[in-house]
Amino acid sequence: KLFALRDERAAAVAQQVLALEPPASTAQRRVAWTVVAHTSFDSGAFERAERAYVEVLALTPEKEAGRNELVERLAATVYKQGEKARAAGQLRDAVGHFNRVAVVAPLSAVRATAQFDAAAALIALKDWDSAARSLEDFRQRYPKHPLQAEVGGKLAVAYMEKGNWSQAAGEFERLSASSADPKVARGALWQAAELHEKGGARALATKAYERYLKQYPDPLETNLEARYRLAQIAKKDGNSKREMALMQEIFQADQRAGGARTNRTRYLAAMGALAMAEPTLDAYRKVTLVEPLAKNLKLKKAKMDDVLKAYGVAANYGVADVTTAATYHIAALYQDFGKSLMGSQRPKKLSKLELEQYNLMLEEQADPFAEKSTELHEVNARRTKEGIYDQWVKRSFDSLKELRPLRYGKTERAEVSVDAIR
């Protein structure tokens, strides 16, 4: 009869039944608690509903029909308390309620959703360790749950915030492989490569970047960026041959790109040109000015011209930090050539007077190279007036201290400070 009454009246009658002395029968109390539970739930009084469902279940035999439905209702009341706390911004309380679902009703249908919502709240609280543990457990416990599609992204966030770059990269790789959205798959694979690189896992980063190049050859900018990252990894691995091949690919691809070129591709191509100059510089350094002196001098001069041409290509891109590097290297080249002349092997059987005259002749030939070197280093030094002061400008200042100690011995910091004020 209680169930036939309106909710408020039924609840009032149920409370009267529960207050009877001596107590009502088990069956009557069970019905009364059921009415209290249902009416409390329907009115949003979830804490009272939870207590009532606990009482109902205590009076309901384990194998009785309808018990499972009561368990589900109990789980729902706890879950609803979590939702209510979350809506009020009480996230820590919400986590507690969501996690209690597994305690009060471990087999309930809402348990998985409650655990996922707890993890999401933990992420909002920036409790990365707890969020990661909850999501990892969810993944293992509910492998076929529809929410699995969202687990990877949330885990990746938690891992990144914890600094677990390799684990985060693994999640992005998983996302890239499973996403039906090409844009998402592409972005996830790139992020995986970056995270592997950030974590120092160069072999895994290399594989990820190579896979990216194979799957997404366009647009040009990201293609060249991936090659540049691979070149940097090869450099760290000491694989100069691979590094050089990749930098050459970048340079050539930009040269062929026409309208597809961007500021970034030009920058990367300039870096490629700079790298391509290094082998010519190495070839120049290998030539020593020894007998037969005329032959070796001619060869070294030819190698020097190759270096000048190579660095000229890099400088012509007009990229600031590439230009300063090229300028420094060209200036250093002139300085080195002058020093090489002065340190060249002297002809045999010269008299003391002849040797003195020969040395004077070498000084006359070497001086213009030292002057040219000074001029170029000064070009770099003047770039401080444009707000440019990188490692190559600094190294030019260091060289000028050697070339013109009286002029530059103590002025570098002063010049930079004055230029900064201007």
Protein backbone atom coordinates (compact mmCIF):
# COMPACT_ATOMS: atom_id res chain seq x y z
CA LYS A 1 0.00 0.00 0.00
CA LEU A 2 2.91 2.35 0.69
CA PHE A 3 3.95 2.31 -2.99
CA ALA A 4 0.47 3.50 -4.00
CA LEU A 5 0.78 6.71 -1.99
CA ARG A 6 2.29 9.96 -3.29
CA ASP A 7 6.03 10.28 -2.66
CA GLU A 8 5.91 12.71 0.27
CA ARG A 9 3.06 10.93 2.02
CA ALA A 10 4.63 7.53 1.34
CA ALA A 11 7.93 8.67 2.82
CA ALA A 12 6.18 10.02 5.92
CA VAL A 13 4.28 6.77 6.44
CA ALA A 14 7.48 4.78 5.89
CA GLN A 15 9.25 6.79 8.60
CA GLN A 16 6.34 6.05 10.96
CA VAL A 17 6.69 2.34 10.24
CA LEU A 18 10.41 2.47 10.95
CA ALA A 19 9.76 4.26 14.25
CA LEU A 20 7.31 1.66 15.58
CA GLU A 21 7.95 0.07 18.98
CA PRO A 22 8.15 -2.80 19.13
CA PRO A 23 9.76 -2.80 15.65
CA ALA A 24 7.74 -3.75 12.62
CA SER A 25 8.40 -7.05 10.89
CA THR A 26 11.45 -7.52 8.65
CA ALA A 27 9.27 -7.46 5.56
CA GLN A 28 7.55 -4.23 6.66
CA ARG A 29 10.82 -2.51 7.51
CA ARG A 30 12.30 -3.58 4.19
CA VAL A 31 9.37 -2.06 2.31
CA ALA A 32 9.60 1.10 4.40
CA TRP A 33 13.35 1.51 3.77
CA THR A 34 12.77 0.90 0.06
CA VAL A 35 10.20 3.69 -0.03
CA VAL A 36 12.56 6.05 1.82
CA ALA A 37 15.39 5.13 -0.54
CA HIS A 38 13.41 5.63 -3.75
CA THR A 39 11.72 8.86 -2.68
CA SER A 40 14.99 10.31 -1.41
CA PHE A 41 16.73 9.44 -4.67
CA ASP A 42 13.96 10.98 -6.75
CA SER A 43 14.08 14.19 -4.70
CA GLY A 44 17.88 14.49 -5.00
CA ALA A 45 18.58 13.65 -1.36
CA PHE A 46 21.30 11.20 -2.36
CA GLU A 47 23.05 10.86 1.00
CA ARG A 48 19.77 9.86 2.68
CA ALA A 49 18.99 7.60 -0.26
CA GLU A 50 22.37 5.88 0.14
CA ARG A 51 21.75 5.15 3.83
CA ALA A 52 18.30 3.82 3.03
CA TYR A 53 19.54 1.51 0.25
CA VAL A 54 22.18 0.14 2.61
CA GLU A 55 19.39 -0.69 5.09
CA VAL A 56 17.27 -2.29 2.35
CA LEU A 57 20.16 -4.48 1.21
CA ALA A 58 20.86 -5.53 4.79
CA LEU A 59 17.29 -6.84 4.95
CA THR A 60 17.35 -8.47 1.48
CA PRO A 61 18.62 -12.06 1.05
CA GLU A 62 21.65 -12.45 -1.26
CA LYS A 63 19.86 -14.56 -3.86
CA GLU A 64 16.52 -12.78 -3.87
CA ALA A 65 15.25 -11.47 -7.17
CA GLY A 66 15.57 -7.72 -7.40
CA ARG A 67 18.65 -7.47 -5.18
CA ASN A 68 20.91 -6.60 -8.14
CA GLU A 69 18.61 -3.74 -9.03
CA LEU A 70 18.92 -2.41 -5.49
CA VAL A 71 22.73 -2.65 -5.72
CA GLU A 72 22.64 -0.64 -8.94
CA ARG A 73 20.46 1.97 -7.24
CA LEU A 74 22.94 2.19 -4.36
CA ALA A 75 25.80 2.68 -6.84
CA ALA A 76 23.78 5.36 -8.60
CA THR A 77 23.20 7.28 -5.36
CA VAL A 78 26.94 7.36 -4.64
CA TYR A 79 27.70 8.34 -8.24
CA LYS A 80 25.11 11.12 -8.09
CA GLN A 81 26.83 12.49 -4.99
CA GLY A 82 30.03 12.64 -7.02
CA GLU A 83 28.29 14.50 -9.84
CA LYS A 84 26.78 16.95 -7.35
CA ALA A 85 30.16 17.65 -5.73
CA ARG A 86 31.78 18.09 -9.15
CA ALA A 87 29.10 20.58 -10.22
CA ALA A 88 29.78 22.55 -7.02
CA GLY A 89 33.50 22.66 -7.79
CA GLN A 90 34.32 20.33 -4.91
CA LEU A 91 36.54 18.09 -7.00
CA ARG A 92 38.35 16.29 -4.19
CA ASP A 93 34.99 15.30 -2.68
CA ALA A 94 33.80 14.26 -6.14
CA VAL A 95 36.81 11.96 -6.51
CA GLY A 96 36.01 10.38 -3.16
CA HIS A 97 32.41 9.68 -4.13
CA PHE A 98 33.30 8.35 -7.59
CA ASN A 99 35.87 6.02 -6.06
CA ARG A 100 33.38 4.83 -3.41
CA VAL A 101 31.23 3.32 -6.15
CA ALA A 102 33.79 0.51 -6.48
CA VAL A 103 33.58 -0.08 -2.73
CA VAL A 104 29.81 -0.14 -2.24
CA ALA A 105 28.99 -1.85 -5.56
CA PRO A 106 32.09 -3.35 -7.22
CA LEU A 107 30.06 -5.14 -9.90
CA SER A 108 27.73 -2.27 -10.76
CA ALA A 109 27.32 -1.01 -14.31
CA VAL A 110 28.25 2.54 -13.32
CA ARG A 111 31.56 1.62 -11.70
CA ALA A 112 33.62 2.06 -14.88
CA THR A 113 32.14 5.48 -15.62
CA ALA A 114 32.68 6.51 -12.01
CA GLN A 115 36.35 5.51 -12.15
CA PHE A 116 36.85 7.41 -15.40
CA ASP A 117 35.18 10.50 -13.96
CA ALA A 118 37.37 10.23 -10.87
CA ALA A 119 40.45 10.23 -13.11
CA ALA A 120 39.17 13.26 -15.01
CA ALA A 121 38.62 15.11 -11.73
CA LEU A 122 42.12 14.18 -10.59
CA ILE A 123 43.50 15.67 -13.80
CA ALA A 124 41.56 18.86 -13.10
CA LEU A 125 43.12 18.83 -9.62
CA LYS A 126 46.56 18.30 -11.22
CA ASP A 127 47.03 15.19 -9.12
CA TRP A 128 48.97 13.56 -11.93
CA ASP A 129 50.19 10.47 -10.06
CA SER A 130 46.72 9.49 -8.87
CA ALA A 131 45.18 10.28 -12.25
CA ALA A 132 47.72 8.11 -14.06
CA ARG A 133 47.19 5.19 -11.69
CA SER A 134 43.41 5.43 -12.06
CA LEU A 135 43.57 5.55 -15.86
CA GLU A 136 46.09 2.69 -16.05
CA ASP A 137 43.78 0.57 -13.91
CA PHE A 138 40.80 1.55 -16.06
CA ARG A 139 42.63 0.50 -19.21
CA GLN A 140 43.41 -2.95 -17.81
CA ARG A 141 40.08 -3.47 -16.07
CA TYR A 142 37.76 -2.36 -18.89
CA PRO A 143 39.55 -3.05 -22.20
CA LYS A 144 36.35 -2.91 -24.29
CA HIS A 145 34.70 0.07 -22.62
CA PRO A 146 33.69 2.90 -25.03
CA LEU A 147 35.61 5.40 -22.87
CA GLN A 148 38.88 3.64 -23.72
CA ALA A 149 39.12 5.96 -26.71
CA GLU A 150 39.65 8.88 -24.32
CA VAL A 151 42.07 7.18 -21.94
CA GLY A 152 45.19 7.62 -24.07
CA GLY A 153 44.89 11.39 -24.39
CA LYS A 154 44.33 11.85 -20.67
CA LEU A 155 47.18 9.51 -19.78
CA ALA A 156 49.46 11.39 -22.14
CA VAL A 157 48.66 14.65 -20.34
CA ALA A 158 49.33 13.06 -16.95
CA TYR A 159 52.61 11.53 -18.11
CA MET A 160 53.82 14.80 -19.62
CA GLU A 161 53.02 16.70 -16.45
CA LYS A 162 54.99 14.09 -14.50
CA GLY A 163 57.91 14.39 -16.92
CA ASN A 164 57.51 10.79 -18.09
CA TRP A 165 58.29 11.66 -21.70
CA SER A 166 58.71 8.11 -22.96
CA GLN A 167 55.37 6.95 -21.55
CA ALA A 168 53.65 10.05 -22.92
CA ALA A 169 55.20 9.38 -26.33
CA GLY A 170 53.87 5.83 -26.23
CA GLU A 171 50.35 7.13 -25.62
CA PHE A 172 50.58 9.51 -28.57
CA GLU A 173 51.84 6.71 -30.79
CA ARG A 174 48.89 4.59 -29.71
CA LEU A 175 46.56 7.51 -30.44
CA SER A 176 48.13 8.06 -33.85
CA ALA A 177 47.67 4.42 -34.80
CA SER A 178 44.05 4.23 -33.62
CA SER A 179 42.56 7.60 -34.56
CA ALA A 180 40.23 7.73 -37.54
CA ASP A 181 40.86 11.48 -37.83
CA PRO A 182 43.93 12.03 -40.09
CA LYS A 183 44.64 15.40 -38.48
CA VAL A 184 44.65 13.90 -34.99
CA ALA A 185 46.75 10.92 -36.11
CA ARG A 186 49.29 13.22 -37.75
CA GLY A 187 49.60 15.55 -34.77
CA ALA A 188 49.86 12.67 -32.33
CA LEU A 189 52.70 11.02 -34.26
CA TRP A 190 54.64 14.29 -34.39
CA GLN A 191 54.18 14.84 -30.68
CA ALA A 192 55.32 11.27 -30.00
CA ALA A 193 58.53 11.92 -31.93
CA GLU A 194 59.16 15.17 -30.05
CA LEU A 195 58.57 13.51 -26.68
CA HIS A 196 60.91 10.61 -27.47
CA GLU A 197 63.53 13.19 -28.45
CA LYS A 198 62.90 15.23 -25.31
CA GLY A 199 63.29 12.11 -23.18
CA GLY A 200 66.64 11.29 -24.79
CA ALA A 201 65.29 8.18 -26.56
CA ARG A 202 66.98 9.09 -29.83
CA ALA A 203 66.47 5.72 -31.53
CA LEU A 204 62.73 5.83 -30.86
CA ALA A 205 62.57 9.49 -31.90
CA THR A 206 64.34 8.62 -35.15
CA LYS A 207 61.83 5.87 -35.93
CA ALA A 208 58.91 8.18 -35.17
CA TYR A 209 60.22 11.02 -37.36
CA GLU A 210 60.99 8.59 -40.18
CA ARG A 211 57.49 7.14 -39.92
CA TYR A 212 56.11 10.66 -40.02
CA LEU A 213 58.05 11.44 -43.20
CA LYS A 214 56.77 8.28 -44.84
CA GLN A 215 53.13 8.78 -43.88
CA TYR A 216 52.94 12.57 -44.24
CA PRO A 217 55.35 13.86 -46.92
CA ASP A 218 53.46 17.15 -47.22
CA PRO A 219 53.45 20.03 -46.46
CA LEU A 220 57.03 20.98 -47.19
CA GLU A 221 57.62 22.86 -43.94
CA THR A 222 56.92 19.95 -41.59
CA ASN A 223 58.74 17.59 -43.95
CA LEU A 224 61.91 19.67 -43.72
CA GLU A 225 61.41 20.16 -39.99
CA ALA A 226 61.35 16.38 -39.51
CA ARG A 227 64.53 16.01 -41.56
CA TYR A 228 66.18 18.74 -39.50
CA ARG A 229 65.25 16.95 -36.27
CA LEU A 230 66.69 13.73 -37.70
CA ALA A 231 69.88 15.57 -38.64
CA GLN A 232 70.24 16.91 -35.10
CA ILE A 233 69.80 13.41 -33.69
CA ALA A 234 72.40 12.06 -36.12
CA LYS A 235 74.77 14.80 -34.97
CA LYS A 236 74.31 13.79 -31.32
CA ASP A 237 74.93 10.18 -32.31
CA GLY A 238 78.18 11.17 -34.02
CA ASN A 239 76.84 10.10 -37.42
CA SER A 240 78.18 13.04 -39.43
CA LYS A 241 77.60 11.31 -42.77
CA ARG A 242 73.87 10.94 -42.13
CA GLU A 243 73.66 14.43 -40.67
CA MET A 244 75.26 15.92 -43.76
CA ALA A 245 73.03 13.93 -46.12
CA LEU A 246 69.90 15.17 -44.34
CA MET A 247 71.04 18.79 -44.28
CA GLN A 248 71.78 18.59 -47.99
CA GLU A 249 68.30 17.15 -48.60
CA ILE A 250 66.80 20.09 -46.71
CA PHE A 251 68.79 22.63 -48.72
CA GLN A 252 67.95 21.04 -52.07
CA ALA A 253 64.26 20.58 -51.25
CA ASP A 254 63.90 24.25 -50.36
CA GLN A 255 65.72 25.27 -53.53
CA ARG A 256 63.21 23.27 -55.61
CA ALA A 257 60.13 24.32 -53.65
CA GLY A 258 59.22 27.54 -55.43
CA GLY A 259 55.98 28.94 -54.04
CA ALA A 260 55.83 26.32 -51.29
CA ARG A 261 58.77 27.94 -49.52
CA THR A 262 58.11 29.61 -46.16
CA ASN A 263 60.22 31.61 -43.74
CA ARG A 264 60.82 28.41 -41.81
CA THR A 265 61.91 26.38 -44.86
CA ARG A 266 64.31 29.17 -45.81
CA TYR A 267 65.71 29.16 -42.29
CA LEU A 268 66.19 25.39 -42.36
CA ALA A 269 67.76 25.61 -45.82
CA ALA A 270 70.15 28.27 -44.53
CA MET A 271 71.10 25.91 -41.72
CA GLY A 272 71.58 23.22 -44.36
CA ALA A 273 73.88 25.47 -46.37
CA LEU A 274 75.83 26.25 -43.22
CA ALA A 275 76.26 22.56 -42.49
CA MET A 276 77.26 21.83 -46.09
CA ALA A 277 80.13 24.30 -45.73
CA GLU A 278 81.75 22.23 -42.99
CA PRO A 279 83.23 19.50 -45.26
CA THR A 280 84.81 22.18 -47.46
CA LEU A 281 86.34 23.74 -44.35
CA ASP A 282 87.67 20.35 -43.28
CA ALA A 283 89.21 19.85 -46.73
CA TYR A 284 90.88 23.27 -46.47
CA ARG A 285 92.34 22.46 -43.06
CA LYS A 286 93.91 19.24 -44.32
CA VAL A 287 96.19 21.11 -46.74
CA THR A 288 99.42 22.17 -45.05
CA LEU A 289 101.90 24.63 -46.50
CA VAL A 290 104.95 22.40 -46.81
CA GLU A 291 107.17 21.51 -49.74
CA PRO A 292 106.33 21.49 -52.58
CA LEU A 293 105.19 24.87 -51.31
CA ALA A 294 103.94 26.38 -54.58
CA LYS A 295 101.73 23.38 -55.28
CA ASN A 296 100.31 23.22 -51.76
CA LEU A 297 99.77 26.98 -51.62
CA LYS A 298 97.78 26.84 -54.84
CA LEU A 299 95.75 23.90 -53.51
CA LYS A 300 95.06 25.56 -50.16
CA LYS A 301 93.98 28.75 -51.93
CA ALA A 302 91.59 26.75 -54.11
CA LYS A 303 90.16 25.03 -51.03
CA MET A 304 89.81 28.42 -49.39
CA ASP A 305 87.79 29.67 -52.35
CA ASP A 306 85.49 26.64 -52.00
CA VAL A 307 84.90 27.50 -48.35
CA LEU A 308 84.20 31.15 -49.15
CA LYS A 309 81.67 30.15 -51.78
CA ALA A 310 79.95 27.68 -49.45
CA TYR A 311 79.60 30.14 -46.57
CA GLY A 312 78.54 32.81 -49.03
CA VAL A 313 75.57 30.67 -50.05
CA ALA A 314 74.56 30.35 -46.40
CA ALA A 315 74.98 34.07 -45.71
CA ASN A 316 72.89 35.03 -48.75
CA TYR A 317 69.78 33.57 -47.11
CA GLY A 318 69.75 36.59 -44.81
CA VAL A 319 68.96 34.57 -41.70
CA ALA A 320 70.46 36.41 -38.75
CA ASP A 321 72.07 33.58 -36.77
CA VAL A 322 73.22 31.86 -39.96
CA THR A 323 74.69 35.10 -41.29
CA THR A 324 76.62 35.72 -38.07
CA ALA A 325 77.96 32.16 -38.18
CA ALA A 326 78.98 32.44 -41.83
CA THR A 327 80.60 35.83 -41.24
CA TYR A 328 82.57 34.49 -38.30
CA HIS A 329 83.77 31.43 -40.24
CA ILE A 330 84.81 33.51 -43.26
CA ALA A 331 86.67 35.94 -41.01
CA ALA A 332 88.33 33.05 -39.18
CA LEU A 333 89.26 31.54 -42.54
CA TYR A 334 91.11 34.69 -43.63
CA GLN A 335 92.82 34.86 -40.25
CA ASP A 336 93.86 31.21 -40.51
CA PHE A 337 95.16 31.60 -44.04
CA GLY A 338 97.36 34.48 -42.93
CA LYS A 339 98.67 32.43 -40.02
CA SER A 340 99.26 29.47 -42.35
CA LEU A 341 101.39 31.67 -44.59
CA MET A 342 103.46 32.82 -41.64
CA GLY A 343 103.82 29.25 -40.41
CA SER A 344 104.60 27.73 -43.81
CA GLN A 345 107.70 25.64 -44.36
CA ARG A 346 110.71 27.79 -45.26
CA PRO A 347 112.84 26.95 -48.30
CA LYS A 348 116.00 25.10 -47.46
CA LYS A 349 119.51 26.52 -47.68
CA LEU A 350 118.53 30.15 -47.19
CA SER A 351 121.15 32.43 -45.71
CA LYS A 352 120.28 34.41 -42.60
CA LEU A 353 119.71 37.53 -44.67
CA GLU A 354 117.65 35.67 -47.24
CA LEU A 355 115.52 34.15 -44.46
CA GLU A 356 114.87 37.59 -42.99
CA GLN A 357 113.86 38.91 -46.39
CA TYR A 358 111.65 35.86 -46.97
CA ASN A 359 109.91 36.37 -43.63
CA LEU A 360 109.27 40.02 -44.44
CA MET A 361 107.77 38.99 -47.76
CA LEU A 362 105.47 36.51 -45.97
CA GLU A 363 104.37 39.22 -43.54
CA GLU A 364 103.48 41.49 -46.46
CA GLN A 365 101.44 38.69 -48.02
CA ALA A 366 99.77 37.67 -44.74
CA ASP A 367 98.83 41.17 -43.55
CA PRO A 368 95.97 41.70 -46.06
CA PHE A 369 94.35 38.46 -44.85
CA ALA A 370 94.58 39.62 -41.23
CA GLU A 371 93.08 42.97 -42.25
CA LYS A 372 90.24 41.25 -44.11
CA SER A 373 89.62 39.04 -41.10
CA THR A 374 89.47 42.07 -38.83
CA GLU A 375 87.02 43.85 -41.14
CA LEU A 376 84.66 40.87 -41.16
CA HIS A 377 84.83 40.32 -37.42
CA GLU A 378 84.00 44.01 -37.03
CA VAL A 379 80.98 43.53 -39.29
CA ASN A 380 79.78 40.89 -36.85
CA ALA A 381 80.59 43.06 -33.85
CA ARG A 382 78.53 45.93 -35.25
CA ARG A 383 75.48 43.68 -35.32
CA THR A 384 75.10 44.37 -31.61
CA LYS A 385 73.61 47.70 -32.75
CA GLU A 386 70.79 45.67 -34.29
CA GLY A 387 70.26 43.81 -31.02
CA ILE A 388 72.06 40.70 -32.28
CA TYR A 389 74.50 39.12 -29.86
CA ASP A 390 74.81 35.38 -30.34
CA GLN A 391 77.71 32.96 -29.90
CA TRP A 392 79.20 33.94 -33.27
CA VAL A 393 79.18 37.65 -32.51
CA LYS A 394 80.81 36.87 -29.17
CA ARG A 395 83.47 34.77 -30.89
CA SER A 396 84.13 37.62 -33.31
CA PHE A 397 84.71 39.90 -30.33
CA ASP A 398 87.10 37.30 -28.90
CA SER A 399 89.01 37.22 -32.19
CA LEU A 400 89.15 41.01 -32.32
CA LYS A 401 90.75 41.04 -28.88
CA GLU A 402 93.56 39.00 -30.43
CA LEU A 403 93.73 40.95 -33.69
CA ARG A 404 93.33 44.42 -32.14
CA PRO A 405 93.90 44.11 -28.40
CA LEU A 406 94.13 47.85 -27.74
CA ARG A 407 90.81 48.54 -29.47
CA TYR A 408 88.81 45.54 -28.32
CA GLY A 409 90.53 44.27 -25.20
CA LYS A 410 87.96 45.74 -22.78
CA THR A 411 85.13 47.12 -24.88
CA GLU A 412 82.88 44.19 -25.71
CA ARG A 413 80.60 44.50 -22.68
CA ALA A 414 80.58 48.28 -22.92
CA GLU A 415 79.56 48.26 -26.59
CA VAL A 416 76.78 45.77 -25.96
CA SER A 417 75.49 47.82 -23.02
CA VAL A 418 75.53 51.08 -24.98
CA ASP A 419 73.76 49.46 -27.93
CA ALA A 420 71.15 48.01 -25.61
CA ILE A 421 70.47 51.51 -24.20
CA ARG A 422 70.18 52.95 -27.68
